Amino acid sequence: DGTNLYVSDTGNHRIRKIVISTGVVTTLAGSSQGSTDHNTGTSASFNNPVGITTDGTNLYVSDTGNHRIRKIVISTGVVTTLAGSSSGSTDHNTGTSASFNAPRGITTDGTNLYVSDTGNHRIRKIVISTGVVTTLAGSSSGNTDATGTSASFNNPVGITTDGTNLY
């Protein structure tokens, strides 16, 4: 955000904040391995969080071990589950009715989140305002160049956007 850097501290199951000007590190959310939701700061828990992105107000975290996408309100530290609940690939569902398999990378264009659903070999899209989850690309392990679910990936991890394209 220009002032702070936010880090997924995967092995410690925490989201950390580093003040860029001073290097001071604090824990914003998480304290142990688990999936405690609707809690604030260190009362919440994660299971190997990996990817992290922000829209300036919230952090969105791919909580890999819990197969969930979590939202942290930066100003309060309140943690909730935006999407996902267990390992799977349930699509066209909302919020915790959808499922992921070890999601890792995550990015946003401000309206949507894009997630590399690593274990499902897919790129998933989440509409932030509604929590609706769909598969944007990929369907099975492979390396097929094609459109949408006709394309295939093998354990995609990193993802970013330039506002027009996903990489």
C-alpha atoms as a PDB file:
ATOM      1  CA  ASP A   1       0.000   0.000   0.000  1.00  0.00           C
ATOM      2  CA  GLY A   2       3.067   2.236  -0.180  1.00  0.00           C
ATOM      3  CA  THR A   3       3.438   2.346   3.596  1.00  0.00           C
ATOM      4  CA  ASN A   4       3.184  -1.295   4.615  1.00  0.00           C
ATOM      5  CA  LEU A   5       4.127  -4.610   3.076  1.00  0.00           C
ATOM      6  CA  TYR A   6       1.923  -7.624   3.815  1.00  0.00           C
ATOM      7  CA  VAL A   7       3.414 -11.115   3.844  1.00  0.00           C
ATOM      8  CA  SER A   8       1.963 -14.614   3.953  1.00  0.00           C
ATOM      9  CA  ASP A   9       4.144 -16.278   6.584  1.00  0.00           C
ATOM     10  CA  THR A  10       3.220 -19.761   5.379  1.00  0.00           C
ATOM     11  CA  GLY A  11       5.058 -21.959   7.875  1.00  0.00           C
ATOM     12  CA  ASN A  12       3.911 -19.857  10.829  1.00  0.00           C
ATOM     13  CA  HIS A  13       0.271 -19.751   9.624  1.00  0.00           C
ATOM     14  CA  ARG A  14       0.195 -15.969   9.901  1.00  0.00           C
ATOM     15  CA  ILE A  15      -0.239 -12.797   7.860  1.00  0.00           C
ATOM     16  CA  ARG A  16       2.472 -10.322   8.799  1.00  0.00           C
ATOM     17  CA  LYS A  17       2.749  -6.568   8.291  1.00  0.00           C
ATOM     18  CA  ILE A  18       6.069  -4.818   7.718  1.00  0.00           C
ATOM     19  CA  VAL A  19       6.238  -1.034   8.043  1.00  0.00           C
ATOM     20  CA  ILE A  20       8.431  -0.162   5.059  1.00  0.00           C
ATOM     21  CA  SER A  21      10.068   2.946   6.562  1.00  0.00           C
ATOM     22  CA  THR A  22      11.140   1.270   9.812  1.00  0.00           C
ATOM     23  CA  GLY A  23      11.191  -2.469   9.088  1.00  0.00           C
ATOM     24  CA  VAL A  24       8.968  -3.143  12.119  1.00  0.00           C
ATOM     25  CA  VAL A  25       7.192  -6.507  11.738  1.00  0.00           C
ATOM     26  CA  THR A  26       3.886  -7.348  13.447  1.00  0.00           C
ATOM     27  CA  THR A  27       1.304 -10.094  13.064  1.00  0.00           C
ATOM     28  CA  LEU A  28      -1.895  -8.780  11.472  1.00  0.00           C
ATOM     29  CA  ALA A  29      -3.804 -12.076  11.615  1.00  0.00           C
ATOM     30  CA  GLY A  30      -3.295 -15.697  12.538  1.00  0.00           C
ATOM     31  CA  SER A  31      -1.479 -17.430  15.354  1.00  0.00           C
ATOM     32  CA  SER A  32      -1.594 -21.166  14.749  1.00  0.00           C
ATOM     33  CA  GLN A  33      -2.609 -23.821  12.265  1.00  0.00           C
ATOM     34  CA  GLY A  34      -6.388 -24.078  11.936  1.00  0.00           C
ATOM     35  CA  SER A  35      -9.373 -22.481  10.269  1.00  0.00           C
ATOM     36  CA  THR A  36     -10.866 -20.211  12.930  1.00  0.00           C
ATOM     37  CA  ASP A  37     -13.076 -17.722  11.135  1.00  0.00           C
ATOM     38  CA  HIS A  38     -14.911 -14.512  11.993  1.00  0.00           C
ATOM     39  CA  ASN A  39     -12.241 -13.596  14.491  1.00  0.00           C
ATOM     40  CA  THR A  40      -9.896 -10.664  14.736  1.00  0.00           C
ATOM     41  CA  GLY A  41      -6.119 -10.601  14.432  1.00  0.00           C
ATOM     42  CA  THR A  42      -4.307 -13.386  16.239  1.00  0.00           C
ATOM     43  CA  SER A  43      -7.597 -14.996  17.324  1.00  0.00           C
ATOM     44  CA  ALA A  44      -8.080 -16.130  13.721  1.00  0.00           C
ATOM     45  CA  SER A  45      -6.112 -19.045  12.297  1.00  0.00           C
ATOM     46  CA  PHE A  46      -4.820 -20.220   8.917  1.00  0.00           C
ATOM     47  CA  ASN A  47      -3.352 -23.407   7.510  1.00  0.00           C
ATOM     48  CA  ASN A  48      -0.334 -22.628   5.330  1.00  0.00           C
ATOM     49  CA  PRO A  49      -1.460 -19.361   3.715  1.00  0.00           C
ATOM     50  CA  VAL A  50       0.424 -18.717   0.473  1.00  0.00           C
ATOM     51  CA  GLY A  51      -0.918 -16.061  -1.914  1.00  0.00           C
ATOM     52  CA  ILE A  52      -1.932 -12.564  -0.890  1.00  0.00           C
ATOM     53  CA  THR A  53      -3.359  -9.548  -2.724  1.00  0.00           C
ATOM     54  CA  THR A  54      -5.144  -6.337  -1.760  1.00  0.00           C
ATOM     55  CA  ASP A  55      -7.755  -3.945  -3.073  1.00  0.00           C
ATOM     56  CA  GLY A  56      -6.475  -1.263  -0.690  1.00  0.00           C
ATOM     57  CA  THR A  57      -9.108  -1.921   1.972  1.00  0.00           C
ATOM     58  CA  ASN A  58      -8.935  -5.680   2.352  1.00  0.00           C
ATOM     59  CA  LEU A  59      -6.322  -8.385   2.018  1.00  0.00           C
ATOM     60  CA  TYR A  60      -7.318 -11.571   0.227  1.00  0.00           C
ATOM     61  CA  VAL A  61      -5.369 -14.676   1.153  1.00  0.00           C
ATOM     62  CA  SER A  62      -5.242 -18.121  -0.410  1.00  0.00           C
ATOM     63  CA  ASP A  63      -5.428 -20.277   2.722  1.00  0.00           C
ATOM     64  CA  THR A  64      -3.891 -23.264   0.967  1.00  0.00           C
ATOM     65  CA  GLY A  65      -4.199 -25.949   3.649  1.00  0.00           C
ATOM     66  CA  ASN A  66      -7.818 -25.039   4.397  1.00  0.00           C
ATOM     67  CA  HIS A  67      -8.787 -24.881   0.678  1.00  0.00           C
ATOM     68  CA  ARG A  68     -10.275 -21.423   1.222  1.00  0.00           C
ATOM     69  CA  ILE A  69      -9.976 -17.814   0.134  1.00  0.00           C
ATOM     70  CA  ARG A  70      -9.966 -15.605   3.202  1.00  0.00           C
ATOM     71  CA  LYS A  71     -10.614 -11.872   3.540  1.00  0.00           C
ATOM     72  CA  ILE A  72      -8.905  -9.670   6.128  1.00  0.00           C
ATOM     73  CA  VAL A  73     -10.172  -6.140   6.731  1.00  0.00           C
ATOM     74  CA  ILE A  74      -6.881  -4.240   7.008  1.00  0.00           C
ATOM     75  CA  SER A  75      -8.155  -1.571   9.417  1.00  0.00           C
ATOM     76  CA  THR A  76      -9.632  -4.047  11.933  1.00  0.00           C
ATOM     77  CA  GLY A  77      -7.905  -7.394  11.299  1.00  0.00           C
ATOM     78  CA  VAL A  78     -11.281  -9.184  11.063  1.00  0.00           C
ATOM     79  CA  VAL A  79     -10.896 -12.471   9.147  1.00  0.00           C
ATOM     80  CA  THR A  80     -13.733 -14.169   7.230  1.00  0.00           C
ATOM     81  CA  THR A  81     -13.970 -16.837   4.562  1.00  0.00           C
ATOM     82  CA  LEU A  82     -14.932 -15.371   1.191  1.00  0.00           C
ATOM     83  CA  ALA A  83     -15.030 -18.690  -0.688  1.00  0.00           C
ATOM     84  CA  GLY A  84     -14.279 -22.353  -0.214  1.00  0.00           C
ATOM     85  CA  SER A  85     -14.764 -24.798   2.626  1.00  0.00           C
ATOM     86  CA  SER A  86     -13.106 -28.101   1.786  1.00  0.00           C
ATOM     87  CA  SER A  87     -11.015 -29.813  -0.855  1.00  0.00           C
ATOM     88  CA  GLY A  88     -12.865 -30.147  -4.166  1.00  0.00           C
ATOM     89  CA  SER A  89     -13.656 -28.319  -7.376  1.00  0.00           C
ATOM     90  CA  THR A  90     -17.283 -27.250  -6.955  1.00  0.00           C
ATOM     91  CA  ASP A  91     -17.992 -24.464  -9.402  1.00  0.00           C
ATOM     92  CA  HIS A  92     -20.778 -21.939 -10.032  1.00  0.00           C
ATOM     93  CA  ASN A  93     -21.465 -21.701  -6.325  1.00  0.00           C
ATOM     94  CA  THR A  94     -21.244 -18.865  -3.885  1.00  0.00           C
ATOM     95  CA  GLY A  95     -18.948 -18.459  -0.919  1.00  0.00           C
ATOM     96  CA  THR A  96     -18.405 -21.552   1.185  1.00  0.00           C
ATOM     97  CA  SER A  97     -20.544 -23.680  -1.159  1.00  0.00           C
ATOM     98  CA  ALA A  98     -17.696 -23.517  -3.687  1.00  0.00           C
ATOM     99  CA  SER A  99     -14.564 -25.590  -3.176  1.00  0.00           C
ATOM    100  CA  PHE A 100     -10.866 -25.409  -4.029  1.00  0.00           C
ATOM    101  CA  ASN A 101      -7.932 -27.808  -3.853  1.00  0.00           C
ATOM    102  CA  ALA A 102      -4.840 -26.162  -2.376  1.00  0.00           C
ATOM    103  CA  PRO A 103      -5.247 -22.670  -3.893  1.00  0.00           C
ATOM    104  CA  ARG A 104      -1.985 -20.731  -3.982  1.00  0.00           C
ATOM    105  CA  GLY A 105      -1.642 -17.668  -6.223  1.00  0.00           C
ATOM    106  CA  ILE A 106      -4.157 -14.830  -6.048  1.00  0.00           C
ATOM    107  CA  THR A 107      -4.536 -11.452  -7.741  1.00  0.00           C
ATOM    108  CA  THR A 108      -7.284  -8.873  -8.208  1.00  0.00           C
ATOM    109  CA  ASP A 109      -8.468  -6.349 -10.740  1.00  0.00           C
ATOM    110  CA  GLY A 110     -10.491  -4.576  -8.045  1.00  0.00           C
ATOM    111  CA  THR A 111     -13.776  -6.275  -8.964  1.00  0.00           C
ATOM    112  CA  ASN A 112     -12.755  -9.921  -9.167  1.00  0.00           C
ATOM    113  CA  LEU A 113     -10.201 -12.205  -7.598  1.00  0.00           C
ATOM    114  CA  TYR A 114      -8.303 -14.657  -9.773  1.00  0.00           C
ATOM    115  CA  VAL A 115      -6.943 -17.738  -8.055  1.00  0.00           C
ATOM    116  CA  SER A 116      -4.534 -20.428  -9.192  1.00  0.00           C
ATOM    117  CA  ASP A 117      -6.408 -23.467  -7.868  1.00  0.00           C
ATOM    118  CA  THR A 118      -3.254 -25.553  -7.854  1.00  0.00           C
ATOM    119  CA  GLY A 119      -4.599 -29.000  -6.946  1.00  0.00           C
ATOM    120  CA  ASN A 120      -7.455 -28.713  -9.452  1.00  0.00           C
ATOM    121  CA  HIS A 121      -5.156 -27.463 -12.276  1.00  0.00           C
ATOM    122  CA  ARG A 122      -7.476 -24.497 -12.848  1.00  0.00           C
ATOM    123  CA  ILE A 123      -7.645 -20.720 -12.801  1.00  0.00           C
ATOM    124  CA  ARG A 124     -10.732 -19.666 -10.877  1.00  0.00           C
ATOM    125  CA  LYS A 125     -12.569 -16.339 -10.750  1.00  0.00           C
ATOM    126  CA  ILE A 126     -14.366 -14.991  -7.681  1.00  0.00           C
ATOM    127  CA  VAL A 127     -16.662 -11.983  -7.969  1.00  0.00           C
ATOM    128  CA  ILE A 128     -15.740 -10.049  -4.813  1.00  0.00           C
ATOM    129  CA  SER A 129     -19.180  -8.454  -4.289  1.00  0.00           C
ATOM    130  CA  THR A 130     -21.106 -11.746  -4.489  1.00  0.00           C
ATOM    131  CA  GLY A 131     -18.580 -14.508  -3.785  1.00  0.00           C
ATOM    132  CA  VAL A 132     -19.632 -16.399  -6.933  1.00  0.00           C
ATOM    133  CA  VAL A 133     -16.865 -18.793  -8.031  1.00  0.00           C
ATOM    134  CA  THR A 134     -16.377 -20.002 -11.617  1.00  0.00           C
ATOM    135  CA  THR A 135     -13.603 -21.693 -13.558  1.00  0.00           C
ATOM    136  CA  LEU A 136     -11.995 -19.290 -16.004  1.00  0.00           C
ATOM    137  CA  ALA A 137      -9.453 -21.692 -17.507  1.00  0.00           C
ATOM    138  CA  GLY A 138      -8.219 -25.246 -17.117  1.00  0.00           C
ATOM    139  CA  SER A 139      -9.906 -28.511 -16.285  1.00  0.00           C
ATOM    140  CA  SER A 140      -7.275 -31.206 -15.787  1.00  0.00           C
ATOM    141  CA  SER A 141      -3.537 -31.751 -15.551  1.00  0.00           C
ATOM    142  CA  GLY A 142      -1.767 -31.117 -18.850  1.00  0.00           C
ATOM    143  CA  ASN A 143      -0.294 -28.406 -21.059  1.00  0.00           C
ATOM    144  CA  THR A 144      -2.923 -27.813 -23.721  1.00  0.00           C
ATOM    145  CA  ASP A 145      -3.083 -24.335 -25.266  1.00  0.00           C
ATOM    146  CA  ALA A 146      -6.771 -23.586 -25.777  1.00  0.00           C
ATOM    147  CA  THR A 147      -9.609 -21.370 -24.574  1.00  0.00           C
ATOM    148  CA  GLY A 148     -11.284 -21.590 -21.163  1.00  0.00           C
ATOM    149  CA  THR A 149     -11.772 -25.049 -19.744  1.00  0.00           C
ATOM    150  CA  SER A 150     -10.342 -26.615 -22.917  1.00  0.00           C
ATOM    151  CA  ALA A 151      -6.916 -25.387 -21.790  1.00  0.00           C
ATOM    152  CA  SER A 152      -4.951 -27.371 -19.235  1.00  0.00           C
ATOM    153  CA  PHE A 153      -2.389 -26.616 -16.533  1.00  0.00           C
ATOM    154  CA  ASN A 154      -0.238 -28.747 -14.263  1.00  0.00           C
ATOM    155  CA  ASN A 155      -0.322 -27.358 -10.711  1.00  0.00           C
ATOM    156  CA  PRO A 156      -0.434 -23.612 -11.518  1.00  0.00           C
ATOM    157  CA  VAL A 157       0.874 -21.436  -8.687  1.00  0.00           C
ATOM    158  CA  GLY A 158       1.730 -17.810  -9.527  1.00  0.00           C
ATOM    159  CA  ILE A 159      -0.766 -15.435 -11.068  1.00  0.00           C
ATOM    160  CA  THR A 160      -0.844 -11.694 -11.744  1.00  0.00           C
ATOM    161  CA  THR A 161      -2.725  -9.240 -13.931  1.00  0.00           C
ATOM    162  CA  ASP A 162      -1.956  -6.057 -15.829  1.00  0.00           C
ATOM    163  CA  GLY A 163      -5.645  -5.095 -15.658  1.00  0.00           C
ATOM    164  CA  THR A 164      -6.404  -6.621 -19.049  1.00  0.00           C
ATOM    165  CA  ASN A 165      -4.663 -10.000 -19.105  1.00  0.00           C
ATOM    166  CA  LEU A 166      -3.835 -12.685 -16.584  1.00  0.00           C
ATOM    167  CA  TYR A 167      -0.335 -14.148 -16.472  1.00  0.00           C
END
